[in-house]
C-alpha atoms as a PDB file:
ATOM      1  CA  MET A   1     -20.738-133.459 -22.442  1.00  0.00           C
ATOM      2  CA  LYS A   2     -23.054-132.963 -18.967  1.00  0.00           C
ATOM      3  CA  ASN A   3     -20.319-130.892 -17.798  1.00  0.00           C
ATOM      4  CA  MET A   4     -20.414-128.692 -20.796  1.00  0.00           C
ATOM      5  CA  PHE A   5     -23.701-128.071 -20.573  1.00  0.00           C
ATOM      6  CA  LEU A   6     -23.874-126.720 -16.475  1.00  0.00           C
ATOM      7  CA  PHE A   7     -21.089-124.264 -17.951  1.00  0.00           C
ATOM      8  CA  LEU A   8     -22.770-123.192 -20.574  1.00  0.00           C
ATOM      9  CA  CYS A   9     -25.944-122.385 -18.135  1.00  0.00           C
ATOM     10  CA  VAL A  10     -23.388-121.025 -15.688  1.00  0.00           C
ATOM     11  CA  LEU A  11     -21.813-118.521 -18.274  1.00  0.00           C
ATOM     12  CA  LEU A  12     -25.379-117.556 -19.818  1.00  0.00           C
ATOM     13  CA  LEU A  13     -26.724-116.780 -15.927  1.00  0.00           C
ATOM     14  CA  ASN A  14     -23.646-114.522 -15.116  1.00  0.00           C
ATOM     15  CA  VAL A  15     -24.347-112.624 -18.735  1.00  0.00           C
ATOM     16  CA  SER A  16     -28.001-112.164 -18.322  1.00  0.00           C
ATOM     17  CA  CYS A  17     -26.926-110.587 -14.470  1.00  0.00           C
ATOM     18  CA  SER A  18     -24.738-108.428 -15.729  1.00  0.00           C
ATOM     19  CA  GLU A  19     -27.150-106.912 -18.262  1.00  0.00           C
ATOM     20  CA  LYS A  20     -29.581-106.690 -15.494  1.00  0.00           C
ATOM     21  CA  LYS A  21     -27.521-104.499 -13.231  1.00  0.00           C
ATOM     22  CA  LYS A  22     -25.915-102.865 -16.499  1.00  0.00           C
ATOM     23  CA  ALA A  23     -29.714-101.457 -16.572  1.00  0.00           C
ATOM     24  CA  VAL A  24     -29.359-100.077 -13.072  1.00  0.00           C
ATOM     25  CA  ILE A  25     -26.361 -98.860 -13.437  1.00  0.00           C
ATOM     26  CA  GLY A  26     -27.618 -95.641 -15.344  1.00  0.00           C
ATOM     27  CA  GLU A  27     -28.233 -94.618 -18.790  1.00  0.00           C
ATOM     28  CA  THR A  28     -24.802 -92.430 -18.995  1.00  0.00           C
ATOM     29  CA  GLU A  29     -21.495 -92.803 -17.781  1.00  0.00           C
ATOM     30  CA  PHE A  30     -22.134 -89.851 -15.866  1.00  0.00           C
ATOM     31  CA  GLN A  31     -25.414 -91.699 -14.113  1.00  0.00           C
ATOM     32  CA  GLN A  32     -23.032 -94.874 -13.968  1.00  0.00           C
ATOM     33  CA  LYS A  33     -20.773 -93.184 -11.699  1.00  0.00           C
ATOM     34  CA  LEU A  34     -22.700 -91.529  -9.709  1.00  0.00           C
ATOM     35  CA  ASN A  35     -24.926 -94.060  -8.675  1.00  0.00           C
ATOM     36  CA  ALA A  36     -21.562 -96.500  -8.627  1.00  0.00           C
ATOM     37  CA  ASP A  37     -20.041 -93.668  -5.906  1.00  0.00           C
ATOM     38  CA  TYR A  38     -23.416 -93.904  -3.870  1.00  0.00           C
ATOM     39  CA  LYS A  39     -23.283 -97.620  -3.570  1.00  0.00           C
ATOM     40  CA  ASP A  40     -20.195 -97.846  -2.663  1.00  0.00           C
ATOM     41  CA  ALA A  41     -20.439 -97.577   1.411  1.00  0.00           C
ATOM     42  CA  SER A  42     -16.543 -95.796   1.162  1.00  0.00           C
ATOM     43  CA  SER A  43     -17.644 -92.760  -0.217  1.00  0.00           C
ATOM     44  CA  SER A  44     -22.126 -92.895  -0.893  1.00  0.00           C
ATOM     45  CA  PRO A  45     -23.519 -89.974   1.546  1.00  0.00           C
ATOM     46  CA  LEU A  46     -26.416 -92.103   1.919  1.00  0.00           C
ATOM     47  CA  LYS A  47     -27.477 -93.407   5.396  1.00  0.00           C
ATOM     48  CA  GLU A  48     -26.315 -96.557   6.657  1.00  0.00           C
ATOM     49  CA  LYS A  49     -30.687 -97.441   5.866  1.00  0.00           C
ATOM     50  CA  ASP A  50     -30.278 -95.815   2.904  1.00  0.00           C
ATOM     51  CA  LEU A  51     -27.565 -97.869   1.514  1.00  0.00           C
ATOM     52  CA  LYS A  52     -29.158-101.425   2.648  1.00  0.00           C
ATOM     53  CA  THR A  53     -31.569-100.454   0.204  1.00  0.00           C
ATOM     54  CA  PHE A  54     -29.714 -98.532  -2.932  1.00  0.00           C
ATOM     55  CA  GLU A  55     -30.091 -99.702  -6.324  1.00  0.00           C
ATOM     56  CA  GLY A  56     -29.569 -96.368  -8.161  1.00  0.00           C
ATOM     57  CA  LEU A  57     -30.903 -93.033  -7.909  1.00  0.00           C
ATOM     58  CA  ASP A  58     -33.944 -91.817 -10.175  1.00  0.00           C
ATOM     59  CA  PHE A  59     -32.862 -89.714 -12.841  1.00  0.00           C
ATOM     60  CA  PHE A  60     -34.850 -87.256 -14.915  1.00  0.00           C
ATOM     61  CA  PRO A  61     -34.490 -88.757 -18.451  1.00  0.00           C
ATOM     62  CA  VAL A  62     -31.708 -87.681 -21.173  1.00  0.00           C
ATOM     63  CA  ASP A  63     -32.518 -84.707 -23.053  1.00  0.00           C
ATOM     64  CA  ASP A  64     -29.916 -83.267 -25.378  1.00  0.00           C
ATOM     65  CA  THR A  65     -31.849 -79.901 -24.941  1.00  0.00           C
ATOM     66  CA  TYR A  66     -30.534 -78.929 -21.973  1.00  0.00           C
ATOM     67  CA  ARG A  67     -27.329 -79.046 -23.110  1.00  0.00           C
ATOM     68  CA  VAL A  68     -26.382 -75.597 -23.809  1.00  0.00           C
ATOM     69  CA  ASN A  69     -23.209 -73.809 -25.405  1.00  0.00           C
ATOM     70  CA  ALA A  70     -23.224 -70.262 -22.917  1.00  0.00           C
ATOM     71  CA  THR A  71     -21.430 -67.234 -23.668  1.00  0.00           C
ATOM     72  CA  PHE A  72     -18.954 -66.906 -20.596  1.00  0.00           C
ATOM     73  CA  THR A  73     -17.793 -64.043 -19.354  1.00  0.00           C
ATOM     74  CA  THR A  74     -14.935 -63.705 -16.791  1.00  0.00           C
ATOM     75  CA  THR A  75     -15.387 -61.338 -13.643  1.00  0.00           C
ATOM     76  CA  PRO A  76     -11.411 -61.065 -12.754  1.00  0.00           C
ATOM     77  CA  ASN A  77     -12.546 -57.753 -10.520  1.00  0.00           C
ATOM     78  CA  SER A  78     -15.111 -60.109  -7.944  1.00  0.00           C
ATOM     79  CA  PRO A  79     -14.752 -60.157  -4.560  1.00  0.00           C
ATOM     80  CA  VAL A  80     -14.124 -63.113  -2.506  1.00  0.00           C
ATOM     81  CA  PHE A  81     -17.032 -64.161  -0.532  1.00  0.00           C
ATOM     82  CA  LYS A  82     -18.381 -66.413   1.685  1.00  0.00           C
ATOM     83  CA  MET A  83     -21.323 -68.309   0.569  1.00  0.00           C
ATOM     84  CA  PRO A  84     -23.589 -69.413   3.248  1.00  0.00           C
ATOM     85  CA  THR A  85     -24.009 -73.130   3.781  1.00  0.00           C
ATOM     86  CA  THR A  86     -26.658 -75.607   5.372  1.00  0.00           C
ATOM     87  CA  LYS A  87     -24.495 -75.208   9.013  1.00  0.00           C
ATOM     88  CA  GLU A  88     -21.751 -72.769   9.961  1.00  0.00           C
ATOM     89  CA  ARG A  89     -19.426 -73.519   7.736  1.00  0.00           C
ATOM     90  CA  THR A  90     -19.319 -70.632   5.560  1.00  0.00           C
ATOM     91  CA  PRO A  91     -16.485 -71.409   2.776  1.00  0.00           C
ATOM     92  CA  GLU A  92     -14.849 -69.143   0.524  1.00  0.00           C
ATOM     93  CA  TYR A  93     -15.458 -68.549  -3.031  1.00  0.00           C
ATOM     94  CA  ARG A  94     -15.291 -65.911  -6.003  1.00  0.00           C
ATOM     95  CA  ARG A  95     -17.713 -65.283  -8.902  1.00  0.00           C
ATOM     96  CA  PHE A  96     -15.329 -66.542 -11.817  1.00  0.00           C
ATOM     97  CA  GLY A  97     -17.311 -65.914 -13.978  1.00  0.00           C
ATOM     98  CA  ILE A  98     -21.220 -65.198 -16.010  1.00  0.00           C
ATOM     99  CA  ALA A  99     -22.891 -68.402 -18.087  1.00  0.00           C
ATOM    100  CA  THR A 100     -25.280 -66.747 -20.750  1.00  0.00           C
ATOM    101  CA  PHE A 101     -27.668 -69.196 -22.431  1.00  0.00           C
ATOM    102  CA  THR A 102     -31.112 -70.011 -24.434  1.00  0.00           C
ATOM    103  CA  LEU A 103     -32.904 -72.543 -23.077  1.00  0.00           C
ATOM    104  CA  LYS A 104     -36.239 -73.080 -24.916  1.00  0.00           C
ATOM    105  CA  GLY A 105     -36.666 -70.087 -26.558  1.00  0.00           C
ATOM    106  CA  LYS A 106     -35.958 -67.884 -23.233  1.00  0.00           C
ATOM    107  CA  GLU A 107     -32.476 -66.319 -22.223  1.00  0.00           C
ATOM    108  CA  PHE A 108     -30.896 -66.896 -19.055  1.00  0.00           C
ATOM    109  CA  SER A 109     -27.918 -66.274 -17.222  1.00  0.00           C
ATOM    110  CA  LEU A 110     -26.090 -68.289 -14.096  1.00  0.00           C
ATOM    111  CA  GLU A 111     -23.268 -66.944 -11.866  1.00  0.00           C
ATOM    112  CA  VAL A 112     -20.413 -69.651 -12.048  1.00  0.00           C
ATOM    113  CA  TYR A 113     -17.870 -69.390  -9.037  1.00  0.00           C
ATOM    114  CA  ARG A 114     -14.970 -70.663  -7.741  1.00  0.00           C
ATOM    115  CA  ASN A 115     -13.905 -72.244  -4.398  1.00  0.00           C
ATOM    116  CA  GLN A 116     -10.811 -69.964  -3.292  1.00  0.00           C
ATOM    117  CA  GLU A 117      -9.173 -73.108  -1.173  1.00  0.00           C
ATOM    118  CA  SER A 118      -9.681 -75.893  -3.564  1.00  0.00           C
ATOM    119  CA  MET A 119      -8.215 -74.217  -6.236  1.00  0.00           C
ATOM    120  CA  LYS A 120      -4.825 -74.653  -4.244  1.00  0.00           C
ATOM    121  CA  GLN A 121      -4.901 -78.231  -4.722  1.00  0.00           C
ATOM    122  CA  ASP A 122      -3.734 -79.487  -9.110  1.00  0.00           C
ATOM    123  CA  GLU A 123      -6.541 -82.152  -8.378  1.00  0.00           C
ATOM    124  CA  TYR A 124      -9.085 -79.390  -8.647  1.00  0.00           C
ATOM    125  CA  LYS A 125      -7.015 -76.088 -10.088  1.00  0.00           C
ATOM    126  CA  ASP A 126      -9.859 -75.480 -12.790  1.00  0.00           C
ATOM    127  CA  TYR A 127     -12.821 -76.378 -11.343  1.00  0.00           C
ATOM    128  CA  LEU A 128     -15.654 -74.073 -11.611  1.00  0.00           C
ATOM    129  CA  PHE A 129     -19.084 -74.944  -9.453  1.00  0.00           C
ATOM    130  CA  LEU A 130     -22.857 -73.659 -10.564  1.00  0.00           C
ATOM    131  CA  PRO A 131     -25.347 -74.145  -8.043  1.00  0.00           C
ATOM    132  CA  PHE A 132     -28.694 -73.230  -8.927  1.00  0.00           C
ATOM    133  CA  THR A 133     -32.367 -73.640  -8.187  1.00  0.00           C
ATOM    134  CA  ASP A 134     -35.102 -74.037 -10.665  1.00  0.00           C
ATOM    135  CA  GLU A 135     -39.009 -74.383 -10.798  1.00  0.00           C
ATOM    136  CA  THR A 136     -38.738 -78.194 -10.366  1.00  0.00           C
ATOM    137  CA  ASN A 137     -37.533 -77.427  -6.768  1.00  0.00           C
ATOM    138  CA  GLY A 138     -39.793 -78.840  -4.030  1.00  0.00           C
ATOM    139  CA  PHE A 139     -41.423 -81.335  -5.857  1.00  0.00           C
ATOM    140  CA  ALA A 140     -39.375 -83.557  -9.278  1.00  0.00           C
ATOM    141  CA  SER A 141     -35.967 -82.348  -7.754  1.00  0.00           C
ATOM    142  CA  TYR A 142     -34.485 -81.913  -4.472  1.00  0.00           C
ATOM    143  CA  GLY A 143     -35.604 -78.278  -2.593  1.00  0.00           C
ATOM    144  CA  GLY A 144     -32.403 -77.132  -1.715  1.00  0.00           C
ATOM    145  CA  GLY A 145     -31.372 -76.955  -5.263  1.00  0.00           C
ATOM    146  CA  ARG A 146     -28.498 -78.569  -7.119  1.00  0.00           C
ATOM    147  CA  TYR A 147     -25.437 -78.372  -8.769  1.00  0.00           C
ATOM    148  CA  ILE A 148     -23.386 -78.876 -11.698  1.00  0.00           C
ATOM    149  CA  ASP A 149     -18.875 -79.103 -12.717  1.00  0.00           C
ATOM    150  CA  LEU A 150     -17.241 -77.336 -14.701  1.00  0.00           C
ATOM    151  CA  GLU A 151     -14.028 -76.455 -15.705  1.00  0.00           C
ATOM    152  CA  ILE A 152     -12.260 -73.354 -16.489  1.00  0.00           C
ATOM    153  CA  PRO A 153     -12.822 -73.124 -20.505  1.00  0.00           C
ATOM    154  CA  ILE A 154     -10.476 -72.067 -22.862  1.00  0.00           C
ATOM    155  CA  GLY A 155     -12.480 -69.524 -25.080  1.00  0.00           C
ATOM    156  CA  ASN A 156     -15.507 -67.511 -24.130  1.00  0.00           C
ATOM    157  CA  THR A 157     -17.716 -70.569 -24.005  1.00  0.00           C
ATOM    158  CA  ILE A 158     -18.824 -73.137 -21.924  1.00  0.00           C
ATOM    159  CA  GLU A 159     -20.747 -76.104 -21.635  1.00  0.00           C
ATOM    160  CA  ILE A 160     -23.393 -76.512 -19.111  1.00  0.00           C
ATOM    161  CA  ASP A 161     -24.930 -80.039 -19.119  1.00  0.00           C
ATOM    162  CA  PHE A 162     -28.084 -80.293 -17.222  1.00  0.00           C
ATOM    163  CA  ASN A 163     -28.499 -83.453 -17.395  1.00  0.00           C
ATOM    164  CA  LYS A 164     -25.112 -83.827 -14.862  1.00  0.00           C
ATOM    165  CA  ALA A 165     -26.970 -81.739 -12.461  1.00  0.00           C
ATOM    166  CA  TYR A 166     -26.562 -83.554  -9.043  1.00  0.00           C
ATOM    167  CA  ASN A 167     -27.933 -83.454  -5.507  1.00  0.00           C
ATOM    168  CA  PRO A 168     -25.890 -81.887  -3.267  1.00  0.00           C
ATOM    169  CA  TYR A 169     -25.290 -84.609   0.136  1.00  0.00           C
ATOM    170  CA  CYS A 170     -27.527 -82.402   1.950  1.00  0.00           C
ATOM    171  CA  ALA A 171     -30.270 -84.463   0.051  1.00  0.00           C
ATOM    172  CA  TYR A 172     -29.560 -88.075   1.965  1.00  0.00           C
ATOM    173  CA  ASN A 173     -28.138 -86.994   5.214  1.00  0.00           C
ATOM    174  CA  ASP A 174     -28.403 -84.004   7.106  1.00  0.00           C
ATOM    175  CA  LYS A 175     -25.017 -84.561   8.639  1.00  0.00           C
ATOM    176  CA  TYR A 176     -23.356 -83.022   5.494  1.00  0.00           C
ATOM    177  CA  SER A 177     -22.812 -79.187   5.276  1.00  0.00           C
ATOM    178  CA  CYS A 178     -23.565 -77.731   2.019  1.00  0.00           C
ATOM    179  CA  PRO A 179     -23.457 -74.100  -0.137  1.00  0.00           C
ATOM    180  CA  ILE A 180     -26.632 -72.821  -0.866  1.00  0.00           C
ATOM    181  CA  PRO A 181     -27.058 -71.643  -4.326  1.00  0.00           C
ATOM    182  CA  PRO A 182     -27.218 -67.647  -4.224  1.00  0.00           C
ATOM    183  CA  ARG A 183     -30.756 -66.161  -4.690  1.00  0.00           C
ATOM    184  CA  VAL A 184     -29.361 -64.558  -8.455  1.00  0.00           C
ATOM    185  CA  ASN A 185     -28.917 -68.467  -9.672  1.00  0.00           C
ATOM    186  CA  PHE A 186     -32.502 -68.916  -9.629  1.00  0.00           C
ATOM    187  CA  LEU A 187     -34.074 -70.184 -13.074  1.00  0.00           C
ATOM    188  CA  LYS A 188     -37.171 -69.075 -13.934  1.00  0.00           C
ATOM    189  CA  THR A 189     -38.211 -72.437 -15.717  1.00  0.00           C
ATOM    190  CA  GLU A 190     -38.020 -76.107 -15.485  1.00  0.00           C
ATOM    191  CA  ILE A 191     -35.069 -77.649 -15.525  1.00  0.00           C
ATOM    192  CA  LYS A 192     -36.182 -81.689 -15.928  1.00  0.00           C
ATOM    193  CA  ALA A 193     -32.764 -83.334 -16.330  1.00  0.00           C
ATOM    194  CA  GLY A 194     -30.399 -84.748 -14.104  1.00  0.00           C
ATOM    195  CA  VAL A 195     -31.087 -86.117 -10.914  1.00  0.00           C
ATOM    196  CA  LYS A 196     -34.539 -86.338  -8.906  1.00  0.00           C
ATOM    197  CA  ALA A 197     -34.936 -85.635  -5.414  1.00  0.00           C
ATOM    198  CA  PHE A 198     -34.044 -88.509  -3.346  1.00  0.00           C
ATOM    199  CA  ASP A 199     -36.869 -90.850  -1.868  1.00  0.00           C
ATOM    200  CA  LYS A 200     -35.428 -91.765   1.936  1.00  0.00           C
ATOM    201  CA  HIS A 201     -36.595 -94.325   3.842  1.00  0.00           C
END
């Protein structure tokens, strides 16, 4: 009987700890995966001193207002260009299309890009890159802007979920080379969604 009582205590303790860990990990699947990747020393961009105390990234509250269906117009004749980064590296991109959407009653447009090197890999053949800046940069969010990963849509619409906006690795560690969002992708509004600025130690 005593052994059974101890077993139940240990079981309840494990369940309690598991629930606490889940609460820290993230509110959505996107947040959970991002936090898991950043907590893993083999995949984390964090500096060693930050990794030691890392419990989870800081996110804006999930808000469906920032999940928009955009009209997507492809730009097949756009030229390949070298996108500036935070270092000397200049990867080649092409503007794949323009996404136009309405957010809080105002219309916006963002250019969506395709990396010319990664498109040759099966894993990234449908991958599109959306770098952007907004009026939270340098305050609530990282000053250098944020990114959203997209896939080539089947039709002429594409979903943009700003709740999945994440920081470039440069926000955590200056050893990385990160694409700088083109000026044309500045949104004259506050995007209070996705990952917030990182508090370095």
